[in-house]
């Protein structure tokens, strides 16, 4: 089964847009969320600029994997308190939109990692994972 052709620029753009939308409601997520996501997007821009670089796309993929874990932790720690604080205010819908975009970004990241892994293999990267079992 052949994977659909997906451009790395599209992946970077979608995650950039979702990170910007998650930032619309200020103060509910710590700066670590934005710094980690924008740092990984900078690695994505590097992977776009260096079309033949295996290191650039590998670093982008690893960065996305790290931000998956970090996003889960930050959303788990800060979402409930922010939702409770905005439940009776006029900005409730804005918070829900912002939170929804952060959650959508988190949902799309594993799929993005899957596509980036295949781009990594196309660029000549190798998967040498050894579990210590030799026969």
N, C-alpha and C. Protein backbone atom coordinates (compact mmCIF):
# COMPACT_ATOMS: atom_id res chain seq x y z
N UNK A 1 0.84 -1.17 0.00
CA UNK A 1 0.00 0.00 0.00
C UNK A 1 0.89 1.24 0.00
N UNK A 2 0.67 2.09 -0.93
CA UNK A 2 1.47 3.30 -1.07
C UNK A 2 0.87 4.42 -0.22
N UNK A 3 1.75 5.15 0.45
CA UNK A 3 1.31 6.29 1.25
C UNK A 3 1.02 7.48 0.35
N UNK A 4 0.05 8.29 0.73
CA UNK A 4 -0.21 9.49 -0.07
C UNK A 4 0.97 10.45 0.04
N UNK A 5 1.21 11.17 -1.03
CA UNK A 5 2.30 12.14 -1.03
C UNK A 5 1.89 13.32 -0.16
N UNK A 6 2.63 13.51 0.90
CA UNK A 6 2.35 14.60 1.82
C UNK A 6 3.62 15.42 1.96
N UNK A 7 3.50 16.68 1.76
CA UNK A 7 4.64 17.57 1.79
C UNK A 7 4.97 17.95 3.23
N UNK A 8 6.26 18.00 3.53
CA UNK A 8 6.67 18.38 4.89
C UNK A 8 6.26 19.82 5.19
N UNK A 9 6.17 20.65 4.15
CA UNK A 9 5.72 22.03 4.34
C UNK A 9 4.30 22.06 4.87
N UNK A 10 3.46 21.16 4.39
CA UNK A 10 2.07 21.11 4.86
C UNK A 10 2.01 20.70 6.33
N UNK A 11 2.85 19.76 6.72
CA UNK A 11 2.88 19.32 8.11
C UNK A 11 3.31 20.46 9.02
N UNK A 12 4.37 21.16 8.62
CA UNK A 12 4.86 22.29 9.42
C UNK A 12 3.79 23.38 9.50
N UNK A 13 3.16 23.69 8.37
CA UNK A 13 2.15 24.75 8.35
C UNK A 13 0.95 24.41 9.23
N UNK A 14 0.46 23.18 9.16
CA UNK A 14 -0.70 22.78 9.96
C UNK A 14 -0.38 22.87 11.45
N UNK A 15 0.78 22.37 11.85
CA UNK A 15 1.13 22.42 13.27
C UNK A 15 1.41 23.85 13.74
N UNK A 16 1.95 24.68 12.85
CA UNK A 16 2.16 26.09 13.19
C UNK A 16 0.81 26.77 13.41
N UNK A 17 -0.13 26.53 12.51
CA UNK A 17 -1.45 27.14 12.60
C UNK A 17 -2.18 26.69 13.87
N UNK A 18 -2.11 25.41 14.18
CA UNK A 18 -2.78 24.91 15.38
C UNK A 18 -2.13 25.45 16.65
N UNK A 19 -0.81 25.63 16.64
CA UNK A 19 -0.14 26.22 17.80
C UNK A 19 -0.54 27.68 17.98
N UNK A 20 -0.66 28.40 16.88
CA UNK A 20 -1.13 29.79 16.96
C UNK A 20 -2.55 29.84 17.50
N UNK A 21 -3.42 28.96 17.02
CA UNK A 21 -4.80 28.93 17.51
C UNK A 21 -4.87 28.54 18.99
N UNK A 22 -3.97 27.67 19.44
CA UNK A 22 -3.94 27.30 20.86
C UNK A 22 -3.49 28.49 21.72
N UNK A 23 -2.81 29.42 21.12
CA UNK A 23 -2.30 30.60 21.82
C UNK A 23 -3.33 31.73 21.88
N UNK A 24 -4.45 31.60 21.17
CA UNK A 24 -5.44 32.69 21.11
C UNK A 24 -5.95 33.06 22.50
N UNK A 25 -6.22 32.08 23.33
CA UNK A 25 -6.66 32.38 24.70
C UNK A 25 -5.41 32.43 25.57
N UNK A 26 -5.02 33.60 26.03
CA UNK A 26 -3.73 33.74 26.72
C UNK A 26 -3.75 33.20 28.14
N UNK A 27 -2.63 32.65 28.54
CA UNK A 27 -2.41 32.31 29.93
C UNK A 27 -2.87 30.96 30.41
N UNK A 28 -3.56 30.19 29.60
CA UNK A 28 -4.04 28.92 30.13
C UNK A 28 -3.00 27.81 29.98
N UNK A 29 -2.09 27.95 29.05
CA UNK A 29 -0.99 27.01 28.92
C UNK A 29 0.32 27.72 29.27
N UNK A 30 1.25 27.01 29.90
CA UNK A 30 2.52 27.66 30.24
C UNK A 30 3.36 27.92 28.99
N UNK A 31 4.38 28.72 29.17
CA UNK A 31 5.26 29.06 28.05
C UNK A 31 5.99 27.84 27.50
N UNK A 32 6.15 26.79 28.30
CA UNK A 32 6.83 25.58 27.83
C UNK A 32 6.11 24.97 26.63
N UNK A 33 4.80 25.08 26.60
CA UNK A 33 4.04 24.54 25.46
C UNK A 33 4.42 25.26 24.18
N UNK A 34 4.41 26.57 24.23
CA UNK A 34 4.70 27.35 23.02
C UNK A 34 6.16 27.25 22.62
N UNK A 35 7.05 27.30 23.60
CA UNK A 35 8.48 27.21 23.29
C UNK A 35 8.83 25.86 22.67
N UNK A 36 8.29 24.79 23.22
CA UNK A 36 8.60 23.47 22.67
C UNK A 36 8.02 23.31 21.27
N UNK A 37 6.79 23.74 21.07
CA UNK A 37 6.18 23.59 19.75
C UNK A 37 6.84 24.47 18.70
N UNK A 38 7.17 25.70 19.04
CA UNK A 38 7.83 26.57 18.07
C UNK A 38 9.27 26.13 17.81
N UNK A 39 9.93 25.54 18.81
CA UNK A 39 11.28 25.01 18.58
C UNK A 39 11.24 23.84 17.61
N UNK A 40 10.26 22.97 17.78
CA UNK A 40 10.12 21.84 16.86
C UNK A 40 9.74 22.33 15.47
N UNK A 41 8.92 23.34 15.39
CA UNK A 41 8.58 23.89 14.07
C UNK A 41 9.79 24.52 13.40
N UNK A 42 10.71 25.08 14.20
CA UNK A 42 11.97 25.58 13.63
C UNK A 42 12.78 24.43 13.05
N UNK A 43 12.77 23.28 13.72
CA UNK A 43 13.43 22.09 13.15
C UNK A 43 12.74 21.66 11.87
N UNK A 44 11.43 21.82 11.81
CA UNK A 44 10.70 21.50 10.59
C UNK A 44 11.07 22.41 9.44
N UNK A 45 11.27 23.68 9.73
CA UNK A 45 11.71 24.62 8.69
C UNK A 45 13.10 24.24 8.22
N UNK A 46 13.95 23.80 9.14
CA UNK A 46 15.29 23.33 8.77
C UNK A 46 15.17 22.10 7.85
N UNK A 47 14.26 21.19 8.17
CA UNK A 47 14.07 20.00 7.34
C UNK A 47 13.54 20.36 5.96
N UNK A 48 12.74 21.42 5.87
CA UNK A 48 12.26 21.88 4.56
C UNK A 48 13.41 22.50 3.77
N UNK A 49 14.23 23.30 4.44
CA UNK A 49 15.32 23.99 3.75
C UNK A 49 16.42 23.03 3.29
N UNK A 50 16.71 22.03 4.09
CA UNK A 50 17.75 21.04 3.75
C UNK A 50 17.07 19.78 3.23
N UNK A 51 16.74 19.79 1.97
CA UNK A 51 15.95 18.70 1.38
C UNK A 51 16.62 17.33 1.44
N UNK A 52 17.94 17.29 1.43
CA UNK A 52 18.64 16.01 1.42
C UNK A 52 19.18 15.62 2.79
N UNK A 53 18.93 16.42 3.80
CA UNK A 53 19.50 16.17 5.12
C UNK A 53 18.68 15.13 5.88
N UNK A 54 19.34 14.05 6.23
CA UNK A 54 18.71 13.02 7.04
C UNK A 54 18.62 13.50 8.49
N UNK A 55 19.64 14.24 8.92
CA UNK A 55 19.66 14.71 10.31
C UNK A 55 18.52 15.69 10.60
N UNK A 56 18.23 16.56 9.65
CA UNK A 56 17.18 17.56 9.88
C UNK A 56 15.82 16.90 10.06
N UNK A 57 15.50 15.97 9.21
CA UNK A 57 14.18 15.34 9.31
C UNK A 57 14.11 14.40 10.52
N UNK A 58 15.25 13.79 10.88
CA UNK A 58 15.27 12.94 12.07
C UNK A 58 15.06 13.78 13.33
N UNK A 59 15.73 14.93 13.40
CA UNK A 59 15.55 15.81 14.55
C UNK A 59 14.11 16.33 14.64
N UNK A 60 13.51 16.63 13.50
CA UNK A 60 12.11 17.06 13.47
C UNK A 60 11.20 15.96 14.00
N UNK A 61 11.44 14.73 13.57
CA UNK A 61 10.62 13.60 14.01
C UNK A 61 10.78 13.37 15.52
N UNK A 62 12.00 13.39 16.01
CA UNK A 62 12.23 13.19 17.44
C UNK A 62 11.62 14.34 18.25
N UNK A 63 11.75 15.55 17.73
CA UNK A 63 11.13 16.70 18.40
C UNK A 63 9.63 16.57 18.49
N UNK A 64 9.00 16.09 17.43
CA UNK A 64 7.55 15.87 17.48
C UNK A 64 7.18 14.81 18.51
N UNK A 65 7.99 13.75 18.59
CA UNK A 65 7.72 12.71 19.58
C UNK A 65 7.85 13.25 21.00
N UNK A 66 8.84 14.10 21.24
CA UNK A 66 9.01 14.69 22.57
C UNK A 66 7.84 15.63 22.88
N UNK A 67 7.40 16.41 21.90
CA UNK A 67 6.29 17.33 22.18
C UNK A 67 4.97 16.59 22.37
N UNK A 68 4.84 15.39 21.84
CA UNK A 68 3.64 14.60 22.13
C UNK A 68 3.55 14.35 23.63
N UNK A 69 4.65 13.89 24.21
CA UNK A 69 4.67 13.61 25.65
C UNK A 69 4.47 14.89 26.45
N UNK A 70 5.16 15.95 26.06
CA UNK A 70 5.04 17.22 26.78
C UNK A 70 3.63 17.80 26.66
N UNK A 71 3.02 17.71 25.49
CA UNK A 71 1.66 18.22 25.32
C UNK A 71 0.66 17.45 26.19
N UNK A 72 0.83 16.15 26.26
CA UNK A 72 -0.06 15.35 27.11
C UNK A 72 0.05 15.79 28.56
N UNK A 73 1.28 15.97 29.03
CA UNK A 73 1.48 16.39 30.42
C UNK A 73 0.90 17.78 30.68
N UNK A 74 1.20 18.72 29.80
CA UNK A 74 0.74 20.09 30.02
C UNK A 74 -0.77 20.22 29.91
N UNK A 75 -1.37 19.53 28.95
CA UNK A 75 -2.83 19.58 28.85
C UNK A 75 -3.49 18.91 30.06
N UNK A 76 -2.92 17.81 30.52
CA UNK A 76 -3.48 17.14 31.68
C UNK A 76 -3.37 18.00 32.94
N UNK A 77 -2.30 18.75 33.05
CA UNK A 77 -2.09 19.55 34.25
C UNK A 77 -2.86 20.87 34.25
N UNK A 78 -3.04 21.48 33.09
CA UNK A 78 -3.56 22.85 33.07
C UNK A 78 -4.96 22.99 32.48
N UNK A 79 -5.48 22.00 31.77
CA UNK A 79 -6.77 22.17 31.10
C UNK A 79 -7.93 22.31 32.09
N UNK A 80 -7.99 21.43 33.08
CA UNK A 80 -9.14 21.42 34.00
C UNK A 80 -9.24 22.73 34.79
N UNK A 81 -8.12 23.23 35.26
CA UNK A 81 -8.15 24.47 36.04
C UNK A 81 -8.56 25.65 35.17
N UNK A 82 -8.07 25.69 33.95
CA UNK A 82 -8.44 26.79 33.05
C UNK A 82 -9.90 26.70 32.65
N UNK A 83 -10.40 25.48 32.45
CA UNK A 83 -11.81 25.32 32.09
C UNK A 83 -12.71 25.77 33.24
N UNK A 84 -12.33 25.41 34.44
CA UNK A 84 -13.13 25.82 35.60
C UNK A 84 -13.11 27.33 35.78
N UNK A 85 -11.98 27.95 35.51
CA UNK A 85 -11.86 29.40 35.68
C UNK A 85 -12.66 30.17 34.63
N UNK A 86 -12.86 29.58 33.46
CA UNK A 86 -13.55 30.29 32.38
C UNK A 86 -14.98 29.82 32.17
N UNK A 87 -15.46 28.89 32.99
CA UNK A 87 -16.78 28.30 32.75
C UNK A 87 -17.91 29.32 32.81
N UNK A 88 -17.85 30.26 33.70
CA UNK A 88 -18.93 31.23 33.87
C UNK A 88 -18.62 32.59 33.25
N UNK A 89 -17.58 32.66 32.45
CA UNK A 89 -17.20 33.95 31.87
C UNK A 89 -17.63 34.03 30.41
N UNK A 90 -17.50 35.21 29.87
CA UNK A 90 -17.88 35.43 28.48
C UNK A 90 -16.85 34.83 27.51
N UNK A 91 -15.66 34.54 28.00
CA UNK A 91 -14.60 34.00 27.15
C UNK A 91 -14.58 32.47 27.11
N UNK A 92 -15.62 31.84 27.58
CA UNK A 92 -15.68 30.39 27.63
C UNK A 92 -15.51 29.76 26.24
N UNK A 93 -16.18 30.31 25.24
CA UNK A 93 -16.09 29.75 23.89
C UNK A 93 -14.71 29.93 23.30
N UNK A 94 -14.08 31.06 23.58
CA UNK A 94 -12.72 31.29 23.10
C UNK A 94 -11.75 30.29 23.72
N UNK A 95 -11.92 30.02 25.02
CA UNK A 95 -11.08 29.01 25.67
C UNK A 95 -11.31 27.63 25.07
N UNK A 96 -12.55 27.28 24.84
CA UNK A 96 -12.84 25.96 24.26
C UNK A 96 -12.25 25.81 22.86
N UNK A 97 -12.30 26.87 22.07
CA UNK A 97 -11.68 26.84 20.75
C UNK A 97 -10.17 26.66 20.87
N UNK A 98 -9.57 27.43 21.76
CA UNK A 98 -8.13 27.35 21.96
C UNK A 98 -7.72 25.96 22.47
N UNK A 99 -8.46 25.45 23.43
CA UNK A 99 -8.18 24.10 23.94
C UNK A 99 -8.41 23.03 22.89
N UNK A 100 -9.44 23.20 22.09
CA UNK A 100 -9.70 22.24 21.02
C UNK A 100 -8.60 22.20 19.98
N UNK A 101 -8.03 23.35 19.68
CA UNK A 101 -6.92 23.39 18.71
C UNK A 101 -5.67 22.74 19.28
N UNK A 102 -5.43 22.92 20.59
CA UNK A 102 -4.29 22.26 21.22
C UNK A 102 -4.48 20.75 21.22
N UNK A 103 -5.69 20.30 21.48
CA UNK A 103 -5.98 18.86 21.48
C UNK A 103 -5.91 18.30 20.06
N UNK A 104 -6.42 19.04 19.07
CA UNK A 104 -6.33 18.59 17.68
C UNK A 104 -4.87 18.48 17.24
N UNK A 105 -4.05 19.43 17.65
CA UNK A 105 -2.63 19.35 17.33
C UNK A 105 -2.01 18.09 17.93
N UNK A 106 -2.39 17.79 19.16
CA UNK A 106 -1.88 16.58 19.82
C UNK A 106 -2.35 15.32 19.11
N UNK A 107 -3.58 15.31 18.63
CA UNK A 107 -4.11 14.14 17.92
C UNK A 107 -3.40 13.94 16.58
N UNK A 108 -3.06 15.03 15.90
CA UNK A 108 -2.42 14.93 14.58
C UNK A 108 -0.92 14.62 14.64
N UNK A 109 -0.29 14.85 15.77
CA UNK A 109 1.17 14.66 15.85
C UNK A 109 1.62 13.22 15.60
N UNK A 110 0.97 12.18 16.14
CA UNK A 110 1.43 10.83 15.80
C UNK A 110 1.32 10.51 14.31
N UNK A 111 0.27 11.00 13.67
CA UNK A 111 0.13 10.79 12.23
C UNK A 111 1.23 11.54 11.48
N UNK A 112 1.55 12.73 11.93
CA UNK A 112 2.63 13.49 11.32
C UNK A 112 3.96 12.76 11.49
N UNK A 113 4.18 12.19 12.66
CA UNK A 113 5.41 11.42 12.90
C UNK A 113 5.49 10.23 11.95
N UNK A 114 4.37 9.59 11.70
CA UNK A 114 4.34 8.45 10.78
C UNK A 114 4.75 8.88 9.38
N UNK A 115 4.20 9.98 8.89
CA UNK A 115 4.56 10.47 7.56
C UNK A 115 6.01 10.94 7.51
N UNK A 116 6.46 11.60 8.56
CA UNK A 116 7.84 12.09 8.59
C UNK A 116 8.82 10.92 8.66
N UNK A 117 8.44 9.85 9.35
CA UNK A 117 9.30 8.67 9.39
C UNK A 117 9.49 8.09 7.98
N UNK A 118 8.43 8.06 7.20
CA UNK A 118 8.56 7.56 5.83
C UNK A 118 9.38 8.51 4.96
N UNK A 119 9.28 9.81 5.20
CA UNK A 119 10.14 10.75 4.49
C UNK A 119 11.60 10.56 4.91
N UNK A 120 11.81 10.25 6.17
CA UNK A 120 13.15 9.96 6.68
C UNK A 120 13.75 8.76 5.95
N UNK A 121 12.95 7.72 5.78
CA UNK A 121 13.44 6.54 5.05
C UNK A 121 13.69 6.85 3.58
N UNK A 122 12.85 7.70 2.98
CA UNK A 122 13.05 8.10 1.58
C UNK A 122 14.33 8.89 1.40
N UNK A 123 14.72 9.65 2.41
CA UNK A 123 15.94 10.45 2.32
C UNK A 123 17.19 9.63 2.60
N UNK A 124 17.02 8.37 2.90
CA UNK A 124 18.18 7.51 3.10
C UNK A 124 18.47 7.19 4.55
N UNK A 125 17.57 7.52 5.43
CA UNK A 125 17.75 7.19 6.84
C UNK A 125 17.53 5.71 7.07
N UNK A 126 18.15 5.21 8.12
CA UNK A 126 18.03 3.79 8.45
C UNK A 126 17.42 3.65 9.83
N UNK A 127 16.74 2.55 10.02
CA UNK A 127 16.15 2.24 11.31
C UNK A 127 16.93 1.07 11.91
N UNK A 128 17.89 1.37 12.77
CA UNK A 128 18.73 0.35 13.38
C UNK A 128 18.39 0.23 14.85
N UNK A 129 17.24 -0.30 15.14
CA UNK A 129 16.83 -0.48 16.53
C UNK A 129 17.13 -1.92 16.91
N UNK A 130 17.95 -2.07 17.94
CA UNK A 130 18.31 -3.40 18.41
C UNK A 130 17.75 -3.58 19.81
N UNK A 131 17.02 -4.64 20.00
CA UNK A 131 16.45 -4.92 21.31
C UNK A 131 17.33 -5.86 22.12
N UNK A 132 18.51 -6.14 21.63
CA UNK A 132 19.45 -6.98 22.35
C UNK A 132 19.25 -8.47 22.10
N UNK A 133 18.31 -8.83 21.27
CA UNK A 133 18.04 -10.23 20.97
C UNK A 133 18.75 -10.59 19.67
N UNK A 134 19.75 -11.41 19.76
CA UNK A 134 20.46 -11.85 18.56
C UNK A 134 20.28 -13.35 18.41
N UNK A 135 20.21 -13.78 17.19
CA UNK A 135 20.04 -15.23 16.97
C UNK A 135 21.15 -15.77 16.12
